[in-house]
């Protein structure tokens, strides 16, 4: 697999002496993906996995798949918003492919700036998108995620302070203070981007961030996506324990944050351990089963599909390249 230097209908460009870095990155990420996938699957106990699926109802599994599809559909909006901000006109099918495959790969491998950015460049470069524009797109999409995550965390901590305090074994006041600080951070960012100084500068690379209107749209989109992803796990949990969705959201987001901070691929192990601690009033085996199904439905199946789509995309690209 490689980044094609030329596609039909595009002007020929002189190869840089560093042209081989693109194909090399493609092979490395694809190979690493297969290794990580094998490691994850081989670490699962077949009997435990079968038991988890046997304990889940068809309704639960159907809802989990539906919310997974909704989450990944909303993720395509991250790229769409970023492309519009950069003034790039890319067909939605290309945007959807780049978004789905980049997030599926980066969710599993970790290091999204590198893995997600490489996959995006692989898909977008034949459409004339430069590496610097892919970097800008990746940053804007990342900001969308963090804005949504922050907004939902702030709302859930303030709205469900008492219930979250019970899960965290602290006082509601502490929970509300944390929620207020998150809210102040978001308001500070909104105030900053409302000015004309909203530019990120790193070693000659400049990115003028979206204005207030687009940023509010980013926040709404990110919040909806986070809620959809959290709903995948929520519908798999056993009922009858009085856990409200806003309270669960706070626990889910904290588990995501700890998983991200650990740098473990997909937060593997860290996310599950955090959720098991937060949901300790639930039967251990039921929560573990729900987490196992969540890992399969939200991470592994999209990851496998992404690898298949990337392989097919490269095959089609090569066939078209050799057509007369």
C-alpha atoms as a PDB file:
ATOM      1  CA  UNK A   1       0.000   0.000   0.000  1.00  0.00           C
ATOM      2  CA  UNK A   2       1.278   3.431  -0.830  1.00  0.00           C
ATOM      3  CA  UNK A   3       0.339   7.010  -1.383  1.00  0.00           C
ATOM      4  CA  UNK A   4      -0.100   7.307  -5.131  1.00  0.00           C
ATOM      5  CA  UNK A   5       2.105  10.058  -6.622  1.00  0.00           C
ATOM      6  CA  UNK A   6      -0.413  10.743  -9.368  1.00  0.00           C
ATOM      7  CA  UNK A   7      -4.074  10.086 -10.043  1.00  0.00           C
ATOM      8  CA  UNK A   8      -5.920  10.467 -13.363  1.00  0.00           C
ATOM      9  CA  UNK A   9      -7.051  14.027 -13.911  1.00  0.00           C
ATOM     10  CA  UNK A  10      -4.501  15.533 -11.531  1.00  0.00           C
ATOM     11  CA  UNK A  11      -1.461  17.530 -12.652  1.00  0.00           C
ATOM     12  CA  UNK A  12       1.904  15.807 -12.496  1.00  0.00           C
ATOM     13  CA  UNK A  13       4.155  17.049  -9.718  1.00  0.00           C
ATOM     14  CA  UNK A  14       7.857  16.533  -9.255  1.00  0.00           C
ATOM     15  CA  UNK A  15       8.636  13.901  -6.661  1.00  0.00           C
ATOM     16  CA  UNK A  16      10.247  15.066  -3.482  1.00  0.00           C
ATOM     17  CA  UNK A  17      13.322  13.159  -2.354  1.00  0.00           C
ATOM     18  CA  UNK A  18      11.267  12.215   0.716  1.00  0.00           C
ATOM     19  CA  UNK A  19       8.417  10.693  -1.334  1.00  0.00           C
ATOM     20  CA  UNK A  20       9.186   7.213   0.102  1.00  0.00           C
ATOM     21  CA  UNK A  21       8.140   8.284   3.621  1.00  0.00           C
ATOM     22  CA  UNK A  22       4.459   8.113   2.669  1.00  0.00           C
ATOM     23  CA  UNK A  23       4.523   4.482   1.443  1.00  0.00           C
ATOM     24  CA  UNK A  24       6.733   3.499   4.381  1.00  0.00           C
ATOM     25  CA  UNK A  25       4.297   5.026   6.897  1.00  0.00           C
ATOM     26  CA  UNK A  26       1.422   3.213   5.175  1.00  0.00           C
ATOM     27  CA  UNK A  27       3.136  -0.178   5.423  1.00  0.00           C
ATOM     28  CA  UNK A  28       4.225   0.398   9.024  1.00  0.00           C
ATOM     29  CA  UNK A  29       0.749   1.410  10.226  1.00  0.00           C
ATOM     30  CA  UNK A  30      -0.980  -1.368   8.316  1.00  0.00           C
ATOM     31  CA  UNK A  31       1.489  -3.940   9.664  1.00  0.00           C
ATOM     32  CA  UNK A  32       1.196  -2.573  13.209  1.00  0.00           C
ATOM     33  CA  UNK A  33      -2.590  -2.719  12.890  1.00  0.00           C
ATOM     34  CA  UNK A  34      -2.493  -6.429  12.089  1.00  0.00           C
ATOM     35  CA  UNK A  35      -0.118  -7.116  14.995  1.00  0.00           C
ATOM     36  CA  UNK A  36      -2.249  -5.184  17.502  1.00  0.00           C
ATOM     37  CA  UNK A  37      -5.435  -6.813  16.207  1.00  0.00           C
ATOM     38  CA  UNK A  38      -3.915 -10.271  16.651  1.00  0.00           C
ATOM     39  CA  UNK A  39      -2.713  -9.339  20.146  1.00  0.00           C
ATOM     40  CA  UNK A  40      -6.184  -8.153  21.197  1.00  0.00           C
ATOM     41  CA  UNK A  41      -8.057 -11.116  19.755  1.00  0.00           C
ATOM     42  CA  UNK A  42      -5.591 -13.717  21.073  1.00  0.00           C
ATOM     43  CA  UNK A  43      -5.905 -12.191  24.551  1.00  0.00           C
ATOM     44  CA  UNK A  44      -9.643 -12.824  24.670  1.00  0.00           C
ATOM     45  CA  UNK A  45     -11.017 -15.980  26.242  1.00  0.00           C
ATOM     46  CA  UNK A  46     -13.434 -17.604  23.740  1.00  0.00           C
ATOM     47  CA  UNK A  47     -15.620 -18.956  26.520  1.00  0.00           C
ATOM     48  CA  UNK A  48     -15.797 -15.590  28.271  1.00  0.00           C
ATOM     49  CA  UNK A  49     -16.639 -13.817  25.010  1.00  0.00           C
ATOM     50  CA  UNK A  50     -19.330 -16.357  24.146  1.00  0.00           C
ATOM     51  CA  UNK A  51     -20.784 -16.029  27.652  1.00  0.00           C
ATOM     52  CA  UNK A  52     -20.915 -12.238  27.382  1.00  0.00           C
ATOM     53  CA  UNK A  53     -22.827 -12.372  24.110  1.00  0.00           C
ATOM     54  CA  UNK A  54     -25.119 -15.091  25.479  1.00  0.00           C
ATOM     55  CA  UNK A  55     -26.045 -12.892  28.461  1.00  0.00           C
ATOM     56  CA  UNK A  56     -26.856  -9.886  26.254  1.00  0.00           C
ATOM     57  CA  UNK A  57     -30.286  -9.722  24.652  1.00  0.00           C
ATOM     58  CA  UNK A  58     -30.800  -9.185  20.923  1.00  0.00           C
ATOM     59  CA  UNK A  59     -32.270  -5.779  21.754  1.00  0.00           C
ATOM     60  CA  UNK A  60     -29.108  -4.786  23.642  1.00  0.00           C
ATOM     61  CA  UNK A  61     -26.846  -5.984  20.834  1.00  0.00           C
ATOM     62  CA  UNK A  62     -28.987  -4.254  18.204  1.00  0.00           C
ATOM     63  CA  UNK A  63     -28.935  -0.961  20.106  1.00  0.00           C
ATOM     64  CA  UNK A  64     -25.170  -1.251  20.639  1.00  0.00           C
ATOM     65  CA  UNK A  65     -24.591  -1.714  16.909  1.00  0.00           C
ATOM     66  CA  UNK A  66     -26.971   1.156  16.084  1.00  0.00           C
ATOM     67  CA  UNK A  67     -25.259   3.584  18.481  1.00  0.00           C
ATOM     68  CA  UNK A  68     -21.855   2.509  17.146  1.00  0.00           C
ATOM     69  CA  UNK A  69     -22.991   3.313  13.604  1.00  0.00           C
ATOM     70  CA  UNK A  70     -24.364   6.669  14.793  1.00  0.00           C
ATOM     71  CA  UNK A  71     -21.110   7.508  16.582  1.00  0.00           C
ATOM     72  CA  UNK A  72     -18.961   6.814  13.517  1.00  0.00           C
ATOM     73  CA  UNK A  73     -21.435   8.689  11.312  1.00  0.00           C
ATOM     74  CA  UNK A  74     -21.113  11.737  13.562  1.00  0.00           C
ATOM     75  CA  UNK A  75     -17.330  11.392  13.437  1.00  0.00           C
ATOM     76  CA  UNK A  76     -17.469  12.033   9.686  1.00  0.00           C
ATOM     77  CA  UNK A  77     -18.884  15.433  10.602  1.00  0.00           C
ATOM     78  CA  UNK A  78     -15.589  16.232  12.369  1.00  0.00           C
ATOM     79  CA  UNK A  79     -13.737  15.983   9.064  1.00  0.00           C
ATOM     80  CA  UNK A  80     -16.506  17.722   7.137  1.00  0.00           C
ATOM     81  CA  UNK A  81     -16.421  20.754   9.438  1.00  0.00           C
ATOM     82  CA  UNK A  82     -12.626  20.877   9.313  1.00  0.00           C
ATOM     83  CA  UNK A  83     -12.546  20.642   5.502  1.00  0.00           C
ATOM     84  CA  UNK A  84     -15.071  23.460   5.220  1.00  0.00           C
ATOM     85  CA  UNK A  85     -12.994  25.602   7.585  1.00  0.00           C
ATOM     86  CA  UNK A  86      -9.930  24.988   5.400  1.00  0.00           C
ATOM     87  CA  UNK A  87     -11.863  25.845   2.235  1.00  0.00           C
ATOM     88  CA  UNK A  88     -11.427  22.364   0.746  1.00  0.00           C
ATOM     89  CA  UNK A  89     -14.151  20.748  -1.356  1.00  0.00           C
ATOM     90  CA  UNK A  90     -13.933  16.966  -1.017  1.00  0.00           C
ATOM     91  CA  UNK A  91     -16.730  14.489  -1.939  1.00  0.00           C
ATOM     92  CA  UNK A  92     -18.518  13.147   1.128  1.00  0.00           C
ATOM     93  CA  UNK A  93     -17.735   9.517   0.227  1.00  0.00           C
ATOM     94  CA  UNK A  94     -14.022  10.349   0.433  1.00  0.00           C
ATOM     95  CA  UNK A  95     -14.548  12.244   3.693  1.00  0.00           C
ATOM     96  CA  UNK A  96     -16.532   9.346   5.166  1.00  0.00           C
ATOM     97  CA  UNK A  97     -13.857   6.821   4.162  1.00  0.00           C
ATOM     98  CA  UNK A  98     -11.020   8.955   5.547  1.00  0.00           C
ATOM     99  CA  UNK A  99     -12.856   9.694   8.791  1.00  0.00           C
ATOM    100  CA  UNK A 100     -14.047   6.147   9.470  1.00  0.00           C
ATOM    101  CA  UNK A 101     -10.727   4.472   8.699  1.00  0.00           C
ATOM    102  CA  UNK A 102      -8.574   7.059  10.485  1.00  0.00           C
ATOM    103  CA  UNK A 103     -10.631   6.923  13.684  1.00  0.00           C
ATOM    104  CA  UNK A 104     -10.969   3.134  13.617  1.00  0.00           C
ATOM    105  CA  UNK A 105      -7.202   2.772  13.276  1.00  0.00           C
ATOM    106  CA  UNK A 106      -6.242   5.508  15.762  1.00  0.00           C
ATOM    107  CA  UNK A 107      -8.778   4.292  18.360  1.00  0.00           C
ATOM    108  CA  UNK A 108      -7.065   0.912  18.330  1.00  0.00           C
ATOM    109  CA  UNK A 109      -3.414   1.873  17.830  1.00  0.00           C
ATOM    110  CA  UNK A 110      -3.408   5.114  19.813  1.00  0.00           C
ATOM    111  CA  UNK A 111      -1.263   8.164  18.960  1.00  0.00           C
ATOM    112  CA  UNK A 112      -4.034   9.719  16.796  1.00  0.00           C
ATOM    113  CA  UNK A 113      -1.926  12.591  15.467  1.00  0.00           C
ATOM    114  CA  UNK A 114       0.429  10.076  13.833  1.00  0.00           C
ATOM    115  CA  UNK A 115      -1.832   7.132  13.000  1.00  0.00           C
ATOM    116  CA  UNK A 116      -5.002   9.070  12.180  1.00  0.00           C
ATOM    117  CA  UNK A 117      -3.053  11.747  10.321  1.00  0.00           C
ATOM    118  CA  UNK A 118      -1.233   9.159   8.192  1.00  0.00           C
ATOM    119  CA  UNK A 119      -4.448   7.380   7.220  1.00  0.00           C
ATOM    120  CA  UNK A 120      -6.090  10.701   6.371  1.00  0.00           C
ATOM    121  CA  UNK A 121      -3.164  11.684   4.168  1.00  0.00           C
ATOM    122  CA  UNK A 122      -3.349   8.312   2.457  1.00  0.00           C
ATOM    123  CA  UNK A 123      -6.996   8.961   1.536  1.00  0.00           C
ATOM    124  CA  UNK A 124      -6.945  12.715   0.926  1.00  0.00           C
ATOM    125  CA  UNK A 125      -3.616  13.184  -0.900  1.00  0.00           C
ATOM    126  CA  UNK A 126      -4.889  11.845  -4.253  1.00  0.00           C
ATOM    127  CA  UNK A 127      -7.563  14.561  -4.071  1.00  0.00           C
ATOM    128  CA  UNK A 128      -4.853  17.224  -3.925  1.00  0.00           C
ATOM    129  CA  UNK A 129      -4.856  17.799  -0.158  1.00  0.00           C
ATOM    130  CA  UNK A 130      -1.381  18.716   1.096  1.00  0.00           C
ATOM    131  CA  UNK A 131       0.286  17.274   4.191  1.00  0.00           C
ATOM    132  CA  UNK A 132       0.033  20.617   6.012  1.00  0.00           C
ATOM    133  CA  UNK A 133      -3.705  20.712   5.310  1.00  0.00           C
ATOM    134  CA  UNK A 134      -4.116  17.172   6.635  1.00  0.00           C
ATOM    135  CA  UNK A 135      -2.282  18.254   9.792  1.00  0.00           C
ATOM    136  CA  UNK A 136      -4.623  21.244  10.155  1.00  0.00           C
ATOM    137  CA  UNK A 137      -7.654  19.023   9.555  1.00  0.00           C
ATOM    138  CA  UNK A 138      -6.488  16.549  12.213  1.00  0.00           C
ATOM    139  CA  UNK A 139      -6.005  19.330  14.769  1.00  0.00           C
ATOM    140  CA  UNK A 140      -9.435  20.888  14.082  1.00  0.00           C
ATOM    141  CA  UNK A 141     -11.113  17.474  14.303  1.00  0.00           C
ATOM    142  CA  UNK A 142      -9.290  16.847  17.586  1.00  0.00           C
ATOM    143  CA  UNK A 143     -10.532  20.158  18.977  1.00  0.00           C
ATOM    144  CA  UNK A 144     -14.088  19.124  18.052  1.00  0.00           C
ATOM    145  CA  UNK A 145     -13.684  15.956  20.108  1.00  0.00           C
ATOM    146  CA  UNK A 146     -12.270  17.758  23.160  1.00  0.00           C
ATOM    147  CA  UNK A 147     -14.911  20.485  23.047  1.00  0.00           C
ATOM    148  CA  UNK A 148     -17.690  17.891  22.974  1.00  0.00           C
ATOM    149  CA  UNK A 149     -16.079  15.847  25.711  1.00  0.00           C
ATOM    150  CA  UNK A 150     -15.627  18.907  27.910  1.00  0.00           C
ATOM    151  CA  UNK A 151     -19.186  20.131  27.384  1.00  0.00           C
ATOM    152  CA  UNK A 152     -20.721  16.769  28.304  1.00  0.00           C
ATOM    153  CA  UNK A 153     -18.401  16.312  31.283  1.00  0.00           C
ATOM    154  CA  UNK A 154     -19.290  19.760  32.627  1.00  0.00           C
ATOM    155  CA  UNK A 155     -23.031  19.167  32.202  1.00  0.00           C
ATOM    156  CA  UNK A 156     -23.014  15.681  33.733  1.00  0.00           C
ATOM    157  CA  UNK A 157     -20.916  16.717  36.751  1.00  0.00           C
ATOM    158  CA  UNK A 158     -23.159  19.659  37.572  1.00  0.00           C
ATOM    159  CA  UNK A 159     -26.476  17.936  36.765  1.00  0.00           C
ATOM    160  CA  UNK A 160     -25.679  14.663  38.582  1.00  0.00           C
ATOM    161  CA  UNK A 161     -23.306  15.914  41.276  1.00  0.00           C
ATOM    162  CA  UNK A 162     -24.805  13.773  44.067  1.00  0.00           C
ATOM    163  CA  UNK A 163     -24.820  10.532  42.075  1.00  0.00           C
ATOM    164  CA  UNK A 164     -21.331  11.129  40.652  1.00  0.00           C
ATOM    165  CA  UNK A 165     -20.051  11.917  44.147  1.00  0.00           C
ATOM    166  CA  UNK A 166     -21.296   8.509  45.324  1.00  0.00           C
ATOM    167  CA  UNK A 167     -19.454   6.773  42.472  1.00  0.00           C
ATOM    168  CA  UNK A 168     -16.267   8.784  43.084  1.00  0.00           C
ATOM    169  CA  UNK A 169     -16.531   8.538  46.887  1.00  0.00           C
ATOM    170  CA  UNK A 170     -16.229  12.280  47.338  1.00  0.00           C
ATOM    171  CA  UNK A 171     -18.496  15.205  48.158  1.00  0.00           C
ATOM    172  CA  UNK A 172     -20.982  16.748  45.695  1.00  0.00           C
ATOM    173  CA  UNK A 173     -19.263  20.113  46.220  1.00  0.00           C
ATOM    174  CA  UNK A 174     -15.969  18.719  44.859  1.00  0.00           C
ATOM    175  CA  UNK A 175     -17.814  17.312  41.841  1.00  0.00           C
ATOM    176  CA  UNK A 176     -19.514  20.639  41.171  1.00  0.00           C
ATOM    177  CA  UNK A 177     -16.217  22.519  41.499  1.00  0.00           C
ATOM    178  CA  UNK A 178     -14.583  20.214  38.942  1.00  0.00           C
ATOM    179  CA  UNK A 179     -17.558  20.662  36.634  1.00  0.00           C
ATOM    180  CA  UNK A 180     -17.372  24.437  37.072  1.00  0.00           C
ATOM    181  CA  UNK A 181     -13.643  24.483  36.273  1.00  0.00           C
ATOM    182  CA  UNK A 182     -14.238  22.488  33.096  1.00  0.00           C
ATOM    183  CA  UNK A 183     -16.984  24.943  32.147  1.00  0.00           C
ATOM    184  CA  UNK A 184     -14.706  27.918  32.798  1.00  0.00           C
ATOM    185  CA  UNK A 185     -12.045  26.345  30.601  1.00  0.00           C
ATOM    186  CA  UNK A 186     -14.536  26.003  27.755  1.00  0.00           C
ATOM    187  CA  UNK A 187     -15.777  29.574  28.207  1.00  0.00           C
ATOM    188  CA  UNK A 188     -12.178  30.803  28.193  1.00  0.00           C
ATOM    189  CA  UNK A 189     -11.529  29.009  24.910  1.00  0.00           C
ATOM    190  CA  UNK A 190     -14.735  30.434  23.398  1.00  0.00           C
ATOM    191  CA  UNK A 191     -13.705  33.935  24.474  1.00  0.00           C
ATOM    192  CA  UNK A 192     -10.284  33.447  22.906  1.00  0.00           C
ATOM    193  CA  UNK A 193     -11.516  32.210  19.532  1.00  0.00           C
ATOM    194  CA  UNK A 194     -13.997  35.111  19.420  1.00  0.00           C
ATOM    195  CA  UNK A 195     -10.966  37.372  18.933  1.00  0.00           C
ATOM    196  CA  UNK A 196      -8.742  37.747  15.869  1.00  0.00           C
ATOM    197  CA  UNK A 197      -5.769  36.201  17.699  1.00  0.00           C
ATOM    198  CA  UNK A 198      -7.038  32.626  17.454  1.00  0.00           C
ATOM    199  CA  UNK A 199      -3.976  31.263  15.642  1.00  0.00           C
ATOM    200  CA  UNK A 200      -1.803  28.268  16.557  1.00  0.00           C
ATOM    201  CA  UNK A 201       1.834  28.741  15.527  1.00  0.00           C
ATOM    202  CA  UNK A 202       4.329  25.892  15.637  1.00  0.00           C
ATOM    203  CA  UNK A 203       7.702  26.275  13.876  1.00  0.00           C
ATOM    204  CA  UNK A 204       6.370  28.157  10.888  1.00  0.00           C
ATOM    205  CA  UNK A 205       3.110  26.197  10.684  1.00  0.00           C
ATOM    206  CA  UNK A 206       0.115  28.456  11.298  1.00  0.00           C
ATOM    207  CA  UNK A 207      -3.476  27.380  11.845  1.00  0.00           C
ATOM    208  CA  UNK A 208      -6.200  30.003  12.121  1.00  0.00           C
ATOM    209  CA  UNK A 209      -8.869  28.324  14.250  1.00  0.00           C
ATOM    210  CA  UNK A 210     -12.608  28.442  13.476  1.00  0.00           C
ATOM    211  CA  UNK A 211     -14.635  31.394  14.747  1.00  0.00           C
ATOM    212  CA  UNK A 212     -17.275  31.368  17.462  1.00  0.00           C
ATOM    213  CA  UNK A 213     -20.176  30.175  15.287  1.00  0.00           C
ATOM    214  CA  UNK A 214     -18.290  27.194  13.845  1.00  0.00           C
ATOM    215  CA  UNK A 215     -16.820  26.379  17.265  1.00  0.00           C
ATOM    216  CA  UNK A 216     -20.280  26.167  18.830  1.00  0.00           C
ATOM    217  CA  UNK A 217     -21.220  23.820  15.993  1.00  0.00           C
ATOM    218  CA  UNK A 218     -18.098  21.758  16.753  1.00  0.00           C
ATOM    219  CA  UNK A 219     -19.086  21.572  20.410  1.00  0.00           C
ATOM    220  CA  UNK A 220     -22.617  20.415  19.624  1.00  0.00           C
ATOM    221  CA  UNK A 221     -21.375  17.801  17.152  1.00  0.00           C
ATOM    222  CA  UNK A 222     -18.699  16.555  19.540  1.00  0.00           C
ATOM    223  CA  UNK A 223     -21.179  16.346  22.412  1.00  0.00           C
ATOM    224  CA  UNK A 224     -23.618  14.276  20.326  1.00  0.00           C
ATOM    225  CA  UNK A 225     -20.836  11.921  19.231  1.00  0.00           C
ATOM    226  CA  UNK A 226     -19.585  11.387  22.796  1.00  0.00           C
ATOM    227  CA  UNK A 227     -23.139  10.644  23.949  1.00  0.00           C
ATOM    228  CA  UNK A 228     -23.615   8.137  21.116  1.00  0.00           C
ATOM    229  CA  UNK A 229     -20.337   6.351  21.917  1.00  0.00           C
ATOM    230  CA  UNK A 230     -21.179   6.202  25.633  1.00  0.00           C
ATOM    231  CA  UNK A 231     -24.648   4.856  24.815  1.00  0.00           C
ATOM    232  CA  UNK A 232     -23.041   1.791  23.209  1.00  0.00           C
ATOM    233  CA  UNK A 233     -21.772   0.650  26.599  1.00  0.00           C
ATOM    234  CA  UNK A 234     -24.739   1.967  28.580  1.00  0.00           C
ATOM    235  CA  UNK A 235     -27.289  -0.185  26.698  1.00  0.00           C
ATOM    236  CA  UNK A 236     -25.149  -3.283  27.327  1.00  0.00           C
ATOM    237  CA  UNK A 237     -25.227  -2.887  31.118  1.00  0.00           C
ATOM    238  CA  UNK A 238     -27.817  -4.853  33.091  1.00  0.00           C
ATOM    239  CA  UNK A 239     -30.876  -2.875  34.201  1.00  0.00           C
ATOM    240  CA  UNK A 240     -32.428  -2.529  37.607  1.00  0.00           C
ATOM    241  CA  UNK A 241     -29.582  -0.756  39.412  1.00  0.00           C
ATOM    242  CA  UNK A 242     -30.853   2.817  39.163  1.00  0.00           C
ATOM    243  CA  UNK A 243     -27.915   4.173  37.191  1.00  0.00           C
ATOM    244  CA  UNK A 244     -28.980   7.275  35.280  1.00  0.00           C
ATOM    245  CA  UNK A 245     -27.435   8.071  31.917  1.00  0.00           C
ATOM    246  CA  UNK A 246     -25.988  11.501  32.942  1.00  0.00           C
ATOM    247  CA  UNK A 247     -24.231   9.849  35.897  1.00  0.00           C
ATOM    248  CA  UNK A 248     -22.909   7.084  33.669  1.00  0.00           C
ATOM    249  CA  UNK A 249     -21.636   9.710  31.205  1.00  0.00           C
ATOM    250  CA  UNK A 250     -19.384  11.235  33.853  1.00  0.00           C
ATOM    251  CA  UNK A 251     -17.887   7.832  34.710  1.00  0.00           C
ATOM    252  CA  UNK A 252     -17.468   6.993  31.015  1.00  0.00           C
ATOM    253  CA  UNK A 253     -15.682  10.261  30.224  1.00  0.00           C
ATOM    254  CA  UNK A 254     -13.322   9.919  33.183  1.00  0.00           C
ATOM    255  CA  UNK A 255     -12.492   6.377  32.036  1.00  0.00           C
ATOM    256  CA  UNK A 256     -11.813   7.722  28.527  1.00  0.00           C
ATOM    257  CA  UNK A 257      -9.567  10.468  29.899  1.00  0.00           C
ATOM    258  CA  UNK A 258      -7.558   8.024  31.999  1.00  0.00           C
ATOM    259  CA  UNK A 259      -7.298   5.693  29.007  1.00  0.00           C
ATOM    260  CA  UNK A 260      -6.036   8.543  26.815  1.00  0.00           C
ATOM    261  CA  UNK A 261      -3.528   9.623  29.473  1.00  0.00           C
ATOM    262  CA  UNK A 262      -2.193   6.054  29.726  1.00  0.00           C
ATOM    263  CA  UNK A 263      -1.298   6.061  25.997  1.00  0.00           C
ATOM    264  CA  UNK A 264      -2.458   2.439  25.874  1.00  0.00           C
ATOM    265  CA  UNK A 265      -3.893   1.616  22.419  1.00  0.00           C
ATOM    266  CA  UNK A 266      -7.606   2.328  22.683  1.00  0.00           C
ATOM    267  CA  UNK A 267      -7.154   2.667  26.456  1.00  0.00           C
ATOM    268  CA  UNK A 268      -7.085  -1.144  26.497  1.00  0.00           C
ATOM    269  CA  UNK A 269      -7.242  -2.450  30.067  1.00  0.00           C
ATOM    270  CA  UNK A 270      -7.122   1.021  31.624  1.00  0.00           C
ATOM    271  CA  UNK A 271     -10.587   2.012  30.423  1.00  0.00           C
ATOM    272  CA  UNK A 272     -12.068  -1.318  31.542  1.00  0.00           C
ATOM    273  CA  UNK A 273     -10.437  -1.157  34.974  1.00  0.00           C
ATOM    274  CA  UNK A 274     -11.728   2.371  35.559  1.00  0.00           C
ATOM    275  CA  UNK A 275     -15.273   1.416  34.567  1.00  0.00           C
ATOM    276  CA  UNK A 276     -15.189  -1.662  36.819  1.00  0.00           C
ATOM    277  CA  UNK A 277     -14.228   0.550  39.770  1.00  0.00           C
ATOM    278  CA  UNK A 278     -16.864   3.184  38.942  1.00  0.00           C
ATOM    279  CA  UNK A 279     -19.625   0.584  38.499  1.00  0.00           C
ATOM    280  CA  UNK A 280     -18.681  -1.604  41.463  1.00  0.00           C
ATOM    281  CA  UNK A 281     -22.282  -1.852  42.663  1.00  0.00           C
ATOM    282  CA  UNK A 282     -23.119  -3.812  39.507  1.00  0.00           C
ATOM    283  CA  UNK A 283     -22.369  -7.557  39.338  1.00  0.00           C
ATOM    284  CA  UNK A 284     -18.709  -7.839  38.323  1.00  0.00           C
ATOM    285  CA  UNK A 285     -19.267 -10.505  35.666  1.00  0.00           C
ATOM    286  CA  UNK A 286     -22.077  -8.515  34.000  1.00  0.00           C
ATOM    287  CA  UNK A 287     -20.021  -5.332  33.780  1.00  0.00           C
ATOM    288  CA  UNK A 288     -17.028  -7.261  32.491  1.00  0.00           C
ATOM    289  CA  UNK A 289     -19.214  -8.926  29.872  1.00  0.00           C
ATOM    290  CA  UNK A 290     -20.654  -5.563  28.785  1.00  0.00           C
ATOM    291  CA  UNK A 291     -17.133  -4.103  28.515  1.00  0.00           C
ATOM    292  CA  UNK A 292     -16.008  -7.072  26.441  1.00  0.00           C
ATOM    293  CA  UNK A 293     -18.896  -6.684  24.003  1.00  0.00           C
ATOM    294  CA  UNK A 294     -18.287  -2.922  23.877  1.00  0.00           C
ATOM    295  CA  UNK A 295     -14.643  -3.533  22.937  1.00  0.00           C
ATOM    296  CA  UNK A 296     -15.675  -5.916  20.156  1.00  0.00           C
ATOM    297  CA  UNK A 297     -18.564  -3.845  18.754  1.00  0.00           C
ATOM    298  CA  UNK A 298     -17.080  -0.344  19.026  1.00  0.00           C
ATOM    299  CA  UNK A 299     -13.383  -1.045  18.430  1.00  0.00           C
ATOM    300  CA  UNK A 300     -12.538  -4.415  16.898  1.00  0.00           C
ATOM    301  CA  UNK A 301     -15.285  -4.800  14.279  1.00  0.00           C
ATOM    302  CA  UNK A 302     -14.870  -1.217  12.919  1.00  0.00           C
ATOM    303  CA  UNK A 303     -11.101  -1.741  12.983  1.00  0.00           C
ATOM    304  CA  UNK A 304     -11.343  -4.901  10.875  1.00  0.00           C
ATOM    305  CA  UNK A 305     -13.758  -3.181   8.487  1.00  0.00           C
ATOM    306  CA  UNK A 306     -11.396  -0.202   8.206  1.00  0.00           C
ATOM    307  CA  UNK A 307      -8.464  -2.454   7.246  1.00  0.00           C
ATOM    308  CA  UNK A 308     -10.611  -4.144   4.597  1.00  0.00           C
ATOM    309  CA  UNK A 309     -11.758  -0.773   3.214  1.00  0.00           C
ATOM    310  CA  UNK A 310      -8.192   0.557   3.117  1.00  0.00           C
ATOM    311  CA  UNK A 311      -7.019  -2.551   1.234  1.00  0.00           C
ATOM    312  CA  UNK A 312      -9.916  -2.314  -1.235  1.00  0.00           C
ATOM    313  CA  UNK A 313      -9.326   1.406  -1.712  1.00  0.00           C
ATOM    314  CA  UNK A 314      -5.676   0.783  -2.551  1.00  0.00           C
ATOM    315  CA  UNK A 315      -6.580  -2.030  -4.969  1.00  0.00           C
ATOM    316  CA  UNK A 316      -9.087   0.177  -6.787  1.00  0.00           C
ATOM    317  CA  UNK A 317      -6.587   3.037  -6.884  1.00  0.00           C
ATOM    318  CA  UNK A 318      -3.923   0.811  -8.450  1.00  0.00           C
ATOM    319  CA  UNK A 319      -6.352  -0.600 -11.021  1.00  0.00           C
ATOM    320  CA  UNK A 320      -7.438   2.887 -12.068  1.00  0.00           C
ATOM    321  CA  UNK A 321      -3.827   4.020 -12.232  1.00  0.00           C
ATOM    322  CA  UNK A 322      -3.046   1.336 -14.820  1.00  0.00           C
ATOM    323  CA  UNK A 323      -6.166   1.818 -16.908  1.00  0.00           C
ATOM    324  CA  UNK A 324      -5.437   3.150 -20.429  1.00  0.00           C
END
